[in-house]
Amino acid sequence: MTNIQQTPGDDELDKTRVLPSSATGSSEPATGTVDNDVEKTRLASSAHGVSLAQRPVVASALGEDADSTRLSVETDPSVSSPVESMPSVKRLQIGDVLKDRFVLEEVLGEGGMGVVFKALDLRKKEANDKEPYVALKVLNQDFQENPISLIALQRETKRAQTLSHPNIINVYDFDRDNKHVFMSMEYLKGQPLNRLIRELPEGGMPFKKAWPIIQGMAEALAYAHKKNIVHSDFKPGNVFIDESGEVKVLDFGIACAAGRADKKGADATVFNARDLGALTPAYASYEMLKDEAPDPRDDIYALACVTYELLAGKHPYAKISADVAVELKLQPKPVPGLNSKQWRGLKRALALKREDRTPAAEEFIADLQRRSPMFYGTWAAAAVVLIASGSNVYLSFHKVNEPPKVTTKLTAEQYAKVGDLLELADIHFEVGYLTAPTGSNALWAYHEVLKIDPYNEKAINGMQKIANALEQEAWKFYEQDNRAESLKKVFEGLEAVPNHEGLLKLKAKLER
């Protein structure tokens, strides 16, 4: 399995590893070649330079994987160590132990600022922890002598530690062993989003399947923005999907933009050694490219580009940078599968000028949130039946647990399937799988029942039960002052019952 640092090349899907760009301060594109002029400029601007010797072999080639700031690598047998050493400091080798605690087991990736290792945490092992591994980001020796890089890594650790959110990678500590300075962070298995997008069929991913990913990304950014942290290099390569399907956003340590170098849409992160900032032209906002101060709407633009790419299978502006797109007066084409409200919301987030763009990630979620057609379809069908029979109709949209007294004739096979789905829904509800994991939860099971039997009372009541449970969870997080998690539960509940009074009241309170 891959982990948070992995971005395989096309021919090395199971062999290569990736590391966070800000994690290593990577100054290079994730490609096998680096433009000589760009490279010379970068090295010239660096206070101490970045040694490129003894580097693992780059596996990915210029092309599909270029949007990542990470390097896809495999170990070169001729390279004795991925970390250069000063004469007085022993170079790190696989098997070395840092702080008498972390046993280095595997090189996960390397960039201009350092190397990321998979390490066995002996303290976790002694405690019989089921997940005894961590990822260690270790500064290169050149950068260890550079106070700017040292401050940058410590700053990244400190900022990341404040972002305790299920959709953001956990960062543990900042430490040193002799002259080896490192940061410890969560070790995950799964795949980066840029690889997932690369493997999508033509036309992209259906909205229903993509929504959990989109929502997870947006909620991670919303939480960071509440903490006054702007990611500033959000892109598919900085999003990871773990084995359970959960979204993890990486590399919040940059938090500043450096408008530099190639602005023709190249996917490689541009490195500014002066302040260790970075951006990726294809996902950088117009304002970032103009060196304006960071703003949450910079992340909204990048989020919208990634969302469009996920849903359509391609970048909204063909990976042309925003400043060039402004000059050419480009407009993104509508995404098939989105209704008019959703497309208006996505298009607003894709606005090239900041003043026209969606102001907050929560608003982006609300714009794209698809209301379940089940509820409205059920009442509309009931109205048609009742009107046809000459009955007076009065529909109350305040009590979803009062379904119309209409039945559907089912075949024996359909009846059996409905029974199985209702039983499955009950099991999911009991174990707490209300709306996750995707494709196997109580909400999904009830939706499947209503596809077969739109008036099934147990399923409609089950939806109400899910919404009520999520309302309780939302209020609990609200009382703990965890507004991001509270809002997440609110949106999950509204997916079950769009007009739930309690959830709508809490949503209004949170949005104020």
Protein backbone atom coordinates (compact mmCIF):
# COMPACT_ATOMS: atom_id res chain seq x y z
CA MET A 1 0.00 0.00 0.00
CA THR A 2 1.06 3.57 -0.49
CA ASN A 3 1.04 6.17 2.21
CA ILE A 4 0.66 9.89 2.63
CA GLN A 5 3.93 10.48 0.93
CA GLN A 6 3.19 8.39 -2.15
CA THR A 7 2.50 9.57 -5.67
CA PRO A 8 3.33 6.75 -8.07
CA GLY A 9 4.41 7.34 -11.61
CA ASP A 10 2.51 5.63 -14.41
CA ASP A 11 4.87 2.67 -14.51
CA GLU A 12 5.64 2.51 -10.79
CA LEU A 13 2.24 2.44 -9.11
CA ASP A 14 3.24 -0.08 -6.47
CA LYS A 15 6.89 0.80 -6.01
CA THR A 16 7.07 4.53 -5.53
CA ARG A 17 6.56 6.92 -2.68
CA VAL A 18 5.61 10.54 -2.28
CA LEU A 19 6.28 13.18 0.30
CA PRO A 20 4.42 16.37 1.17
CA SER A 21 5.81 19.36 -0.67
CA SER A 22 5.86 21.64 2.31
CA ALA A 23 7.01 18.69 4.30
CA THR A 24 10.25 18.76 2.47
CA GLY A 25 10.08 22.26 1.12
CA SER A 26 10.39 20.64 -2.26
CA SER A 27 11.83 22.99 -4.80
CA GLU A 28 11.29 20.72 -7.75
CA PRO A 29 8.49 19.60 -9.97
CA ALA A 30 7.36 16.02 -9.69
CA THR A 31 8.96 15.13 -12.98
CA GLY A 32 12.01 13.39 -14.27
CA THR A 33 13.34 16.60 -15.80
CA VAL A 34 13.77 20.10 -14.44
CA ASP A 35 14.04 23.17 -16.66
CA ASN A 36 17.64 24.33 -16.45
CA ASP A 37 16.80 28.03 -16.24
CA VAL A 38 14.24 27.47 -13.51
CA GLU A 39 16.67 25.25 -11.65
CA LYS A 40 19.50 27.79 -11.91
CA THR A 41 17.21 30.57 -10.73
CA ARG A 42 16.07 28.49 -7.79
CA LEU A 43 19.55 27.55 -6.70
CA ALA A 44 20.81 31.09 -7.13
CA SER A 45 18.04 32.46 -4.92
CA SER A 46 18.63 29.97 -2.14
CA ALA A 47 20.68 31.20 0.76
CA HIS A 48 22.60 27.94 0.97
CA GLY A 49 21.54 26.07 -2.16
CA VAL A 50 20.13 22.59 -2.37
CA SER A 51 22.38 19.70 -3.12
CA LEU A 52 21.03 17.41 -5.80
CA ALA A 53 23.62 14.69 -5.36
CA GLN A 54 22.84 11.23 -4.07
CA ARG A 55 19.17 11.68 -4.96
CA PRO A 56 16.85 8.71 -5.53
CA VAL A 57 15.92 8.06 -9.14
CA VAL A 58 12.82 9.97 -10.20
CA ALA A 59 10.26 7.49 -11.51
CA SER A 60 7.50 9.70 -12.82
CA ALA A 61 7.85 11.49 -16.15
CA LEU A 62 6.64 14.90 -17.21
CA GLY A 63 2.95 14.61 -17.84
CA GLU A 64 -0.01 13.26 -15.94
CA ASP A 65 1.61 13.30 -12.52
CA ALA A 66 3.07 16.75 -12.87
CA ASP A 67 0.53 18.45 -10.64
CA SER A 68 2.17 17.08 -7.55
CA THR A 69 4.94 18.87 -5.72
CA ARG A 70 6.03 15.45 -4.58
CA LEU A 71 8.61 13.25 -6.17
CA SER A 72 7.80 9.73 -7.27
CA VAL A 73 10.91 7.79 -6.42
CA GLU A 74 12.42 4.37 -6.16
CA THR A 75 15.68 3.71 -4.40
CA ASP A 76 18.78 3.74 -6.58
CA PRO A 77 21.09 0.93 -5.43
CA SER A 78 24.07 3.12 -6.22
CA VAL A 79 22.95 5.71 -3.70
CA SER A 80 24.15 4.90 -0.23
CA SER A 81 21.90 7.36 1.55
CA PRO A 82 19.11 9.77 0.68
CA VAL A 83 20.42 12.32 3.16
CA GLU A 84 23.69 14.14 2.64
CA SER A 85 25.86 14.57 5.68
CA MET A 86 28.21 17.20 6.92
CA PRO A 87 31.68 15.81 7.67
CA SER A 88 31.00 15.73 11.40
CA VAL A 89 27.54 14.15 11.18
CA LYS A 90 26.84 10.53 10.36
CA ARG A 91 24.56 10.19 7.34
CA LEU A 92 21.23 8.53 8.04
CA GLN A 93 20.83 4.94 6.90
CA ILE A 94 17.96 2.49 6.94
CA GLY A 95 18.14 0.87 10.37
CA ASP A 96 19.34 4.00 12.17
CA VAL A 97 17.45 5.09 15.28
CA LEU A 98 16.58 8.69 16.12
CA LYS A 99 16.05 9.77 19.75
CA ASP A 100 16.40 6.10 20.80
CA ARG A 101 12.84 5.73 19.59
CA PHE A 102 12.32 5.90 15.81
CA VAL A 103 13.79 3.08 13.73
CA LEU A 104 14.15 4.15 10.07
CA GLU A 105 12.74 1.37 7.89
CA GLU A 106 12.04 2.83 4.45
CA VAL A 107 12.58 5.95 2.35
CA LEU A 108 9.16 7.26 1.35
CA GLY A 109 10.29 10.26 -0.66
CA GLU A 110 12.72 13.13 -1.02
CA GLY A 111 12.66 16.78 -1.97
CA GLY A 112 14.92 19.77 -1.90
CA MET A 113 14.45 20.38 1.82
CA GLY A 114 14.64 16.87 3.18
CA VAL A 115 13.66 13.22 3.21
CA VAL A 116 10.61 11.42 4.56
CA PHE A 117 11.11 8.02 6.18
CA LYS A 118 8.73 5.36 7.35
CA ALA A 119 9.79 4.72 10.92
CA LEU A 120 8.88 2.23 13.63
CA ASP A 121 8.01 4.04 16.84
CA LEU A 122 9.46 1.82 19.58
CA ARG A 123 7.31 3.50 22.20
CA LYS A 124 4.16 2.54 20.30
CA LYS A 125 5.50 -0.96 19.76
CA GLU A 126 6.14 -1.40 23.48
CA ALA A 127 2.57 -0.31 24.13
CA ASN A 128 1.33 -2.93 21.64
CA ASP A 129 -0.11 -0.19 19.43
CA LYS A 130 -1.74 -1.71 16.34
CA GLU A 131 -0.32 1.14 14.25
CA PRO A 132 3.30 1.50 15.44
CA TYR A 133 4.56 3.39 12.36
CA VAL A 134 5.01 7.11 11.80
CA ALA A 135 6.36 9.20 8.96
CA LEU A 136 9.46 11.25 9.80
CA LYS A 137 10.42 14.29 7.76
CA VAL A 138 14.14 14.88 8.23
CA LEU A 139 15.89 18.04 7.07
CA ASN A 140 18.80 17.69 4.66
CA GLN A 141 22.14 18.70 6.10
CA ASP A 142 22.34 21.72 3.81
CA PHE A 143 19.07 22.96 5.20
CA GLN A 144 19.91 22.10 8.78
CA GLU A 145 22.56 24.78 8.55
CA ASN A 146 19.98 27.22 7.19
CA PRO A 147 18.04 28.93 10.01
CA ILE A 148 15.23 29.84 7.61
CA SER A 149 14.46 26.21 6.83
CA LEU A 150 14.69 25.27 10.49
CA ILE A 151 12.16 27.93 11.38
CA ALA A 152 9.98 26.85 8.47
CA LEU A 153 9.80 23.24 9.62
CA GLN A 154 9.10 24.24 13.21
CA ARG A 155 6.43 26.67 11.98
CA GLU A 156 4.87 23.94 9.85
CA THR A 157 4.76 21.58 12.82
CA LYS A 158 3.24 24.17 15.12
CA ARG A 159 0.57 25.19 12.62
CA ALA A 160 -0.27 21.63 11.71
CA GLN A 161 -0.65 20.71 15.38
CA THR A 162 -3.44 23.28 15.71
CA LEU A 163 -5.41 21.60 12.92
CA SER A 164 -7.07 18.72 14.69
CA HIS A 165 -9.61 17.64 12.11
CA PRO A 166 -10.58 14.22 10.66
CA ASN A 167 -9.80 15.43 7.14
CA ILE A 168 -6.35 16.84 7.93
CA ILE A 169 -3.23 14.76 8.48
CA ASN A 170 -2.08 14.54 12.09
CA VAL A 171 1.31 16.08 12.85
CA TYR A 172 2.85 14.99 16.13
CA ASP A 173 6.09 16.70 17.05
CA PHE A 174 9.19 18.69 16.06
CA ASP A 175 12.49 17.39 17.43
CA ARG A 176 16.18 16.91 16.82
CA ASP A 177 18.76 14.17 17.40
CA ASN A 178 22.24 15.68 17.31
CA LYS A 179 22.08 17.68 14.04
CA HIS A 180 19.25 15.65 12.55
CA VAL A 181 16.17 17.85 12.75
CA PHE A 182 12.85 16.13 12.03
CA MET A 183 9.08 16.26 12.26
CA SER A 184 6.92 13.24 13.07
CA MET A 185 3.51 12.79 11.52
CA GLU A 186 0.76 10.30 10.82
CA TYR A 187 1.56 7.34 8.57
CA LEU A 188 -1.32 6.48 6.25
CA LYS A 189 -2.06 3.88 3.63
CA GLY A 190 -4.05 4.61 0.51
CA GLN A 191 -3.52 6.74 -2.58
CA PRO A 192 -3.14 10.43 -3.49
CA LEU A 193 -6.00 12.12 -5.29
CA ASN A 194 -3.90 12.99 -8.34
CA ARG A 195 -3.43 9.28 -9.01
CA LEU A 196 -7.14 8.60 -8.53
CA ILE A 197 -8.01 11.39 -10.99
CA ARG A 198 -5.47 10.09 -13.49
CA GLU A 199 -7.16 6.70 -13.45
CA LEU A 200 -10.72 8.03 -13.86
CA PRO A 201 -12.64 7.08 -17.00
CA GLU A 202 -13.28 9.81 -19.55
CA GLY A 203 -15.92 12.18 -18.23
CA GLY A 204 -14.82 12.02 -14.60
CA MET A 205 -16.48 10.64 -11.49
CA PRO A 206 -20.25 10.66 -10.84
CA PHE A 207 -21.27 13.32 -8.35
CA LYS A 208 -22.69 10.84 -5.85
CA LYS A 209 -19.38 9.02 -5.63
CA ALA A 210 -17.28 12.19 -5.70
CA TRP A 211 -19.27 14.11 -3.09
CA PRO A 212 -17.67 12.55 0.03
CA ILE A 213 -14.25 13.50 -1.35
CA ILE A 214 -15.36 17.02 -2.25
CA GLN A 215 -17.02 17.51 1.12
CA GLY A 216 -13.99 16.20 3.01
CA MET A 217 -11.64 18.56 1.17
CA ALA A 218 -13.94 21.54 1.71
CA GLU A 219 -14.41 20.82 5.40
CA ALA A 220 -10.66 20.54 5.93
CA LEU A 221 -10.14 23.96 4.34
CA ALA A 222 -13.09 25.46 6.21
CA TYR A 223 -11.58 24.33 9.50
CA ALA A 224 -8.15 25.72 8.63
CA HIS A 225 -9.66 29.04 7.57
CA LYS A 226 -11.39 29.28 10.93
CA LYS A 227 -7.89 29.04 12.39
CA ASN A 228 -6.72 31.83 10.05
CA ILE A 229 -4.55 29.41 8.08
CA VAL A 230 -4.63 29.48 4.28
CA HIS A 231 -3.21 26.39 2.61
CA SER A 232 -1.85 28.25 -0.43
CA ASP A 233 -0.84 25.14 -2.36
CA PHE A 234 -4.02 23.09 -2.47
CA LYS A 235 -4.14 20.61 -5.39
CA PRO A 236 -4.80 16.90 -6.06
CA GLY A 237 -1.27 15.97 -5.02
CA ASN A 238 -1.91 17.42 -1.57
CA VAL A 239 -5.03 15.34 -0.97
CA PHE A 240 -4.86 11.72 0.14
CA ILE A 241 -7.57 9.05 0.24
CA ASP A 242 -6.80 6.49 2.92
CA GLU A 243 -7.76 2.82 2.94
CA SER A 244 -11.09 3.52 4.63
CA GLY A 245 -12.01 6.10 1.99
CA GLU A 246 -11.45 9.08 4.29
CA VAL A 247 -10.00 12.28 2.83
CA LYS A 248 -6.79 13.70 4.30
CA VAL A 249 -5.43 17.08 3.26
CA LEU A 250 -1.65 17.43 3.53
CA ASP A 251 0.90 20.22 3.69
CA PHE A 252 -0.73 23.03 5.60
CA GLY A 253 2.73 24.23 6.61
CA ILE A 254 3.29 26.53 3.64
CA ALA A 255 0.51 29.00 4.44
CA CYS A 256 2.03 31.67 2.20
CA ALA A 257 2.23 32.23 -1.54
CA ALA A 258 5.30 32.84 -3.65
CA GLY A 259 4.30 34.06 -7.11
CA ARG A 260 7.29 33.05 -9.12
CA ALA A 261 8.61 31.37 -12.22
CA ASP A 262 6.61 29.58 -14.92
CA LYS A 263 3.03 30.83 -15.12
CA LYS A 264 2.09 29.02 -18.30
CA GLY A 265 0.20 26.37 -16.40
CA ALA A 266 2.99 23.97 -15.50
CA ASP A 267 1.91 21.74 -12.65
CA ALA A 268 5.11 21.83 -10.65
CA THR A 269 5.21 23.76 -7.42
CA VAL A 270 7.35 26.87 -7.69
CA PHE A 271 9.84 27.25 -4.86
CA ASN A 272 10.98 30.52 -3.33
CA ALA A 273 13.98 29.87 -1.14
CA ARG A 274 13.71 33.34 0.37
CA ASP A 275 10.69 32.41 2.47
CA LEU A 276 10.21 28.73 1.68
CA GLY A 277 6.78 29.45 0.23
CA ALA A 278 5.31 27.68 -2.79
CA LEU A 279 2.48 27.61 -5.25
CA THR A 280 1.36 25.51 -8.19
CA PRO A 281 0.42 27.71 -11.17
CA ALA A 282 -2.41 25.50 -12.45
CA TYR A 283 -4.20 25.74 -9.08
CA ALA A 284 -2.99 29.15 -7.86
CA SER A 285 -5.48 31.98 -7.83
CA TYR A 286 -4.99 35.11 -9.91
CA GLU A 287 -4.19 37.04 -6.73
CA MET A 288 -1.52 34.55 -5.64
CA LEU A 289 0.18 34.91 -8.99
CA LYS A 290 0.16 38.66 -8.45
CA ASP A 291 1.87 38.27 -5.06
CA GLU A 292 -1.14 39.53 -3.11
CA ALA A 293 -1.62 38.59 0.54
CA PRO A 294 -3.03 35.09 1.21
CA ASP A 295 -6.81 34.88 1.47
CA PRO A 296 -9.19 31.93 2.05
CA ARG A 297 -10.61 32.57 -1.41
CA ASP A 298 -7.26 31.47 -2.85
CA ASP A 299 -7.98 28.02 -1.45
CA ILE A 300 -11.59 28.19 -2.71
CA TYR A 301 -10.31 28.67 -6.27
CA ALA A 302 -7.98 25.69 -5.95
CA LEU A 303 -10.72 23.59 -4.34
CA ALA A 304 -13.08 24.43 -7.20
CA CYS A 305 -10.43 23.47 -9.78
CA VAL A 306 -9.87 20.13 -8.05
CA THR A 307 -13.62 19.54 -7.75
CA TYR A 308 -14.13 20.28 -11.44
CA GLU A 309 -11.26 17.97 -12.33
CA LEU A 310 -12.74 15.20 -10.22
CA LEU A 311 -16.21 15.56 -11.75
CA ALA A 312 -15.21 16.26 -15.36
CA GLY A 313 -11.90 14.42 -15.57
CA LYS A 314 -10.07 17.56 -16.67
CA HIS A 315 -8.97 20.95 -15.37
CA PRO A 316 -11.54 23.77 -15.90
CA TYR A 317 -8.97 25.97 -17.64
CA ALA A 318 -6.88 23.21 -19.23
CA LYS A 319 -4.26 23.83 -16.52
CA ILE A 320 -3.62 27.30 -17.84
CA SER A 321 -2.67 29.62 -14.99
CA ALA A 322 -5.30 32.08 -13.77
CA ASP A 323 -3.52 35.22 -14.98
CA VAL A 324 -3.30 33.84 -18.51
CA ALA A 325 -6.94 32.68 -18.28
CA VAL A 326 -7.90 36.26 -17.41
CA GLU A 327 -6.05 37.60 -20.42
CA LEU A 328 -7.73 35.05 -22.68
CA LYS A 329 -11.13 35.61 -21.02
CA LEU A 330 -11.61 31.87 -20.59
CA GLN A 331 -14.85 30.42 -19.22
CA PRO A 332 -15.19 26.86 -17.85
CA LYS A 333 -17.66 24.57 -19.60
CA PRO A 334 -20.61 23.23 -17.55
CA VAL A 335 -20.10 19.87 -15.85
CA PRO A 336 -22.57 17.18 -16.95
CA GLY A 337 -24.46 15.68 -14.02
CA LEU A 338 -24.71 18.89 -11.99
CA ASN A 339 -28.04 20.61 -11.68
CA SER A 340 -28.29 24.34 -12.38
CA LYS A 341 -27.86 25.33 -8.73
CA GLN A 342 -24.78 23.19 -8.31
CA TRP A 343 -23.20 24.44 -11.52
CA ARG A 344 -23.79 28.06 -10.52
CA GLY A 345 -22.10 27.32 -7.19
CA LEU A 346 -19.09 25.63 -8.78
CA LYS A 347 -18.75 28.33 -11.43
CA ARG A 348 -18.79 31.03 -8.75
CA ALA A 349 -15.98 29.28 -6.90
CA LEU A 350 -14.02 29.12 -10.17
CA ALA A 351 -14.24 32.89 -10.65
CA LEU A 352 -10.86 34.21 -11.75
CA LYS A 353 -11.17 37.43 -9.74
CA ARG A 354 -11.31 37.24 -5.96
CA GLU A 355 -14.22 39.66 -5.55
CA ASP A 356 -16.45 37.39 -7.68
CA ARG A 357 -15.47 34.18 -5.93
CA THR A 358 -17.29 32.16 -3.25
CA PRO A 359 -16.11 33.69 0.05
CA ALA A 360 -16.05 30.62 2.30
CA ALA A 361 -15.67 26.85 2.11
CA GLU A 362 -18.91 26.34 4.06
CA GLU A 363 -20.75 28.28 1.38
CA PHE A 364 -19.08 26.17 -1.30
CA ILE A 365 -20.42 23.04 0.44
CA ALA A 366 -23.91 24.51 0.63
CA ASP A 367 -23.83 25.48 -3.06
CA LEU A 368 -22.90 21.98 -4.18
CA GLN A 369 -24.87 20.02 -1.59
CA ARG A 370 -27.35 17.93 -3.53
CA ARG A 371 -30.69 17.67 -1.82
CA SER A 372 -31.99 14.16 -1.98
CA PRO A 373 -34.79 14.00 -4.58
CA MET A 374 -36.40 11.14 -2.66
CA PHE A 375 -38.30 13.35 -0.22
CA TYR A 376 -39.66 15.76 -2.80
CA GLY A 377 -40.35 12.97 -5.28
CA THR A 378 -42.34 11.03 -2.72
CA TRP A 379 -44.64 13.94 -1.90
CA ALA A 380 -45.03 14.96 -5.55
CA ALA A 381 -46.09 11.45 -6.53
CA ALA A 382 -48.54 11.34 -3.64
CA ALA A 383 -50.03 14.67 -4.72
CA VAL A 384 -50.63 13.39 -8.25
CA VAL A 385 -52.44 10.29 -6.94
CA LEU A 386 -54.59 12.25 -4.50
CA ILE A 387 -55.50 14.96 -7.00
CA ALA A 388 -56.45 12.32 -9.57
CA SER A 389 -58.83 10.79 -7.07
CA GLY A 390 -60.53 14.15 -6.44
CA SER A 391 -59.18 14.53 -2.92
CA ASN A 392 -58.25 17.84 -1.38
CA VAL A 393 -54.51 18.04 -0.94
CA TYR A 394 -52.66 19.78 1.82
CA LEU A 395 -48.97 18.96 1.99
CA SER A 396 -47.01 19.78 5.10
CA PHE A 397 -43.28 19.83 4.55
CA HIS A 398 -42.58 19.97 8.25
CA LYS A 399 -43.08 16.31 9.18
CA VAL A 400 -41.32 13.81 6.97
CA ASN A 401 -42.30 10.99 9.30
CA GLU A 402 -45.90 11.20 8.12
CA PRO A 403 -45.70 9.45 4.74
CA PRO A 404 -48.66 9.47 2.37
CA LYS A 405 -50.86 6.42 2.58
CA VAL A 406 -49.85 5.14 -0.81
CA THR A 407 -48.47 1.68 -1.45
CA THR A 408 -46.45 0.21 -4.27
CA LYS A 409 -47.06 -3.25 -5.61
CA LEU A 410 -43.85 -5.24 -5.28
CA THR A 411 -42.81 -8.51 -6.80
CA ALA A 412 -41.71 -11.29 -4.48
CA GLU A 413 -38.11 -10.59 -5.42
CA GLN A 414 -38.47 -6.86 -4.70
CA TYR A 415 -40.20 -7.56 -1.42
CA ALA A 416 -37.33 -9.83 -0.32
CA LYS A 417 -34.74 -7.27 -1.35
CA VAL A 418 -36.49 -4.52 0.58
CA GLY A 419 -36.52 -6.73 3.65
CA ASP A 420 -32.80 -7.43 3.33
CA LEU A 421 -31.99 -3.75 2.88
CA LEU A 422 -34.06 -2.72 5.89
CA GLU A 423 -32.30 -5.33 8.00
CA LEU A 424 -28.93 -4.08 6.73
CA ALA A 425 -29.92 -0.49 7.52
CA ASP A 426 -30.79 -1.47 11.08
CA ILE A 427 -27.40 -3.15 11.51
CA HIS A 428 -25.57 -0.12 10.12
CA PHE A 429 -27.51 2.17 12.43
CA GLU A 430 -26.74 0.06 15.49
CA VAL A 431 -22.98 0.07 14.83
CA GLY A 432 -22.97 3.79 14.06
CA TYR A 433 -22.55 3.68 10.28
CA LEU A 434 -25.14 6.38 9.63
CA THR A 435 -23.72 8.12 6.56
CA ALA A 436 -20.27 6.54 6.23
CA PRO A 437 -18.41 4.66 4.88
CA THR A 438 -19.52 5.56 1.38
CA GLY A 439 -21.75 2.95 -0.24
CA SER A 440 -22.28 0.91 2.91
CA ASN A 441 -24.22 2.79 5.57
CA ALA A 442 -27.75 3.19 6.94
CA LEU A 443 -28.56 6.22 4.79
CA TRP A 444 -27.49 4.40 1.65
CA ALA A 445 -29.56 1.32 2.56
CA TYR A 446 -32.70 3.40 3.13
CA HIS A 447 -32.14 5.20 -0.18
CA GLU A 448 -31.95 1.83 -1.92
CA VAL A 449 -35.24 0.77 -0.31
CA LEU A 450 -36.95 3.95 -1.49
CA LYS A 451 -35.75 3.37 -5.03
CA ILE A 452 -37.77 0.16 -5.00
CA ASP A 453 -40.64 1.26 -2.76
CA PRO A 454 -40.87 5.09 -2.64
CA TYR A 455 -43.50 5.03 0.11
CA ASN A 456 -41.88 2.53 2.45
CA GLU A 457 -42.76 3.76 5.92
CA LYS A 458 -39.84 2.06 7.67
CA ALA A 459 -37.33 3.62 5.31
CA ILE A 460 -38.81 7.12 5.63
CA ASN A 461 -38.91 6.80 9.41
CA GLY A 462 -35.34 5.48 9.29
CA MET A 463 -34.22 8.61 7.45
CA GLN A 464 -35.82 10.71 10.16
CA LYS A 465 -34.08 8.61 12.82
CA ILE A 466 -30.71 9.24 11.15
CA ALA A 467 -31.35 12.98 10.98
CA ASN A 468 -32.36 13.06 14.66
CA ALA A 469 -29.23 11.16 15.71
CA LEU A 470 -26.99 13.46 13.68
CA GLU A 471 -28.70 16.49 15.19
CA GLN A 472 -27.75 15.23 18.65
CA GLU A 473 -24.15 14.68 17.53
CA ALA A 474 -24.05 18.12 15.91
CA TRP A 475 -25.21 19.82 19.10
CA LYS A 476 -22.64 17.89 21.11
CA PHE A 477 -19.82 19.19 18.91
CA TYR A 478 -21.33 22.66 19.01
CA GLU A 479 -21.25 22.65 22.81
CA GLN A 480 -17.59 21.57 22.62
CA ASP A 481 -16.94 24.60 20.38
CA ASN A 482 -16.00 22.30 17.50
CA ARG A 483 -17.98 24.21 14.91
CA ALA A 484 -16.44 22.49 11.87
CA GLU A 485 -17.40 19.02 13.07
CA SER A 486 -20.81 20.29 14.15
CA LEU A 487 -21.47 21.71 10.68
CA LYS A 488 -20.31 18.46 9.13
CA LYS A 489 -22.92 16.53 11.13
CA VAL A 490 -25.56 19.08 10.18
CA PHE A 491 -24.92 18.58 6.47
CA GLU A 492 -24.94 14.79 6.90
CA GLY A 493 -28.29 15.01 8.64
CA LEU A 494 -29.75 17.28 5.97
CA GLU A 495 -28.76 14.72 3.36
CA ALA A 496 -31.25 12.39 5.08
CA VAL A 497 -33.99 14.94 5.78
CA PRO A 498 -33.45 18.21 3.89
CA ASN A 499 -36.11 20.16 5.82
CA HIS A 500 -35.25 18.93 9.33
CA GLU A 501 -36.17 21.84 11.59
CA GLY A 502 -33.58 21.21 14.30
CA LEU A 503 -30.73 20.80 11.84
CA LEU A 504 -31.71 23.89 9.87
CA LYS A 505 -31.82 25.98 13.05
CA LEU A 506 -28.38 24.78 14.10
CA LYS A 507 -27.06 25.38 10.58
CA ALA A 508 -28.26 28.98 10.72
CA LYS A 509 -26.66 29.42 14.13
CA LEU A 510 -23.33 28.01 12.90
CA GLU A 511 -23.32 30.12 9.74
CA ARG A 512 -23.84 33.28 11.78
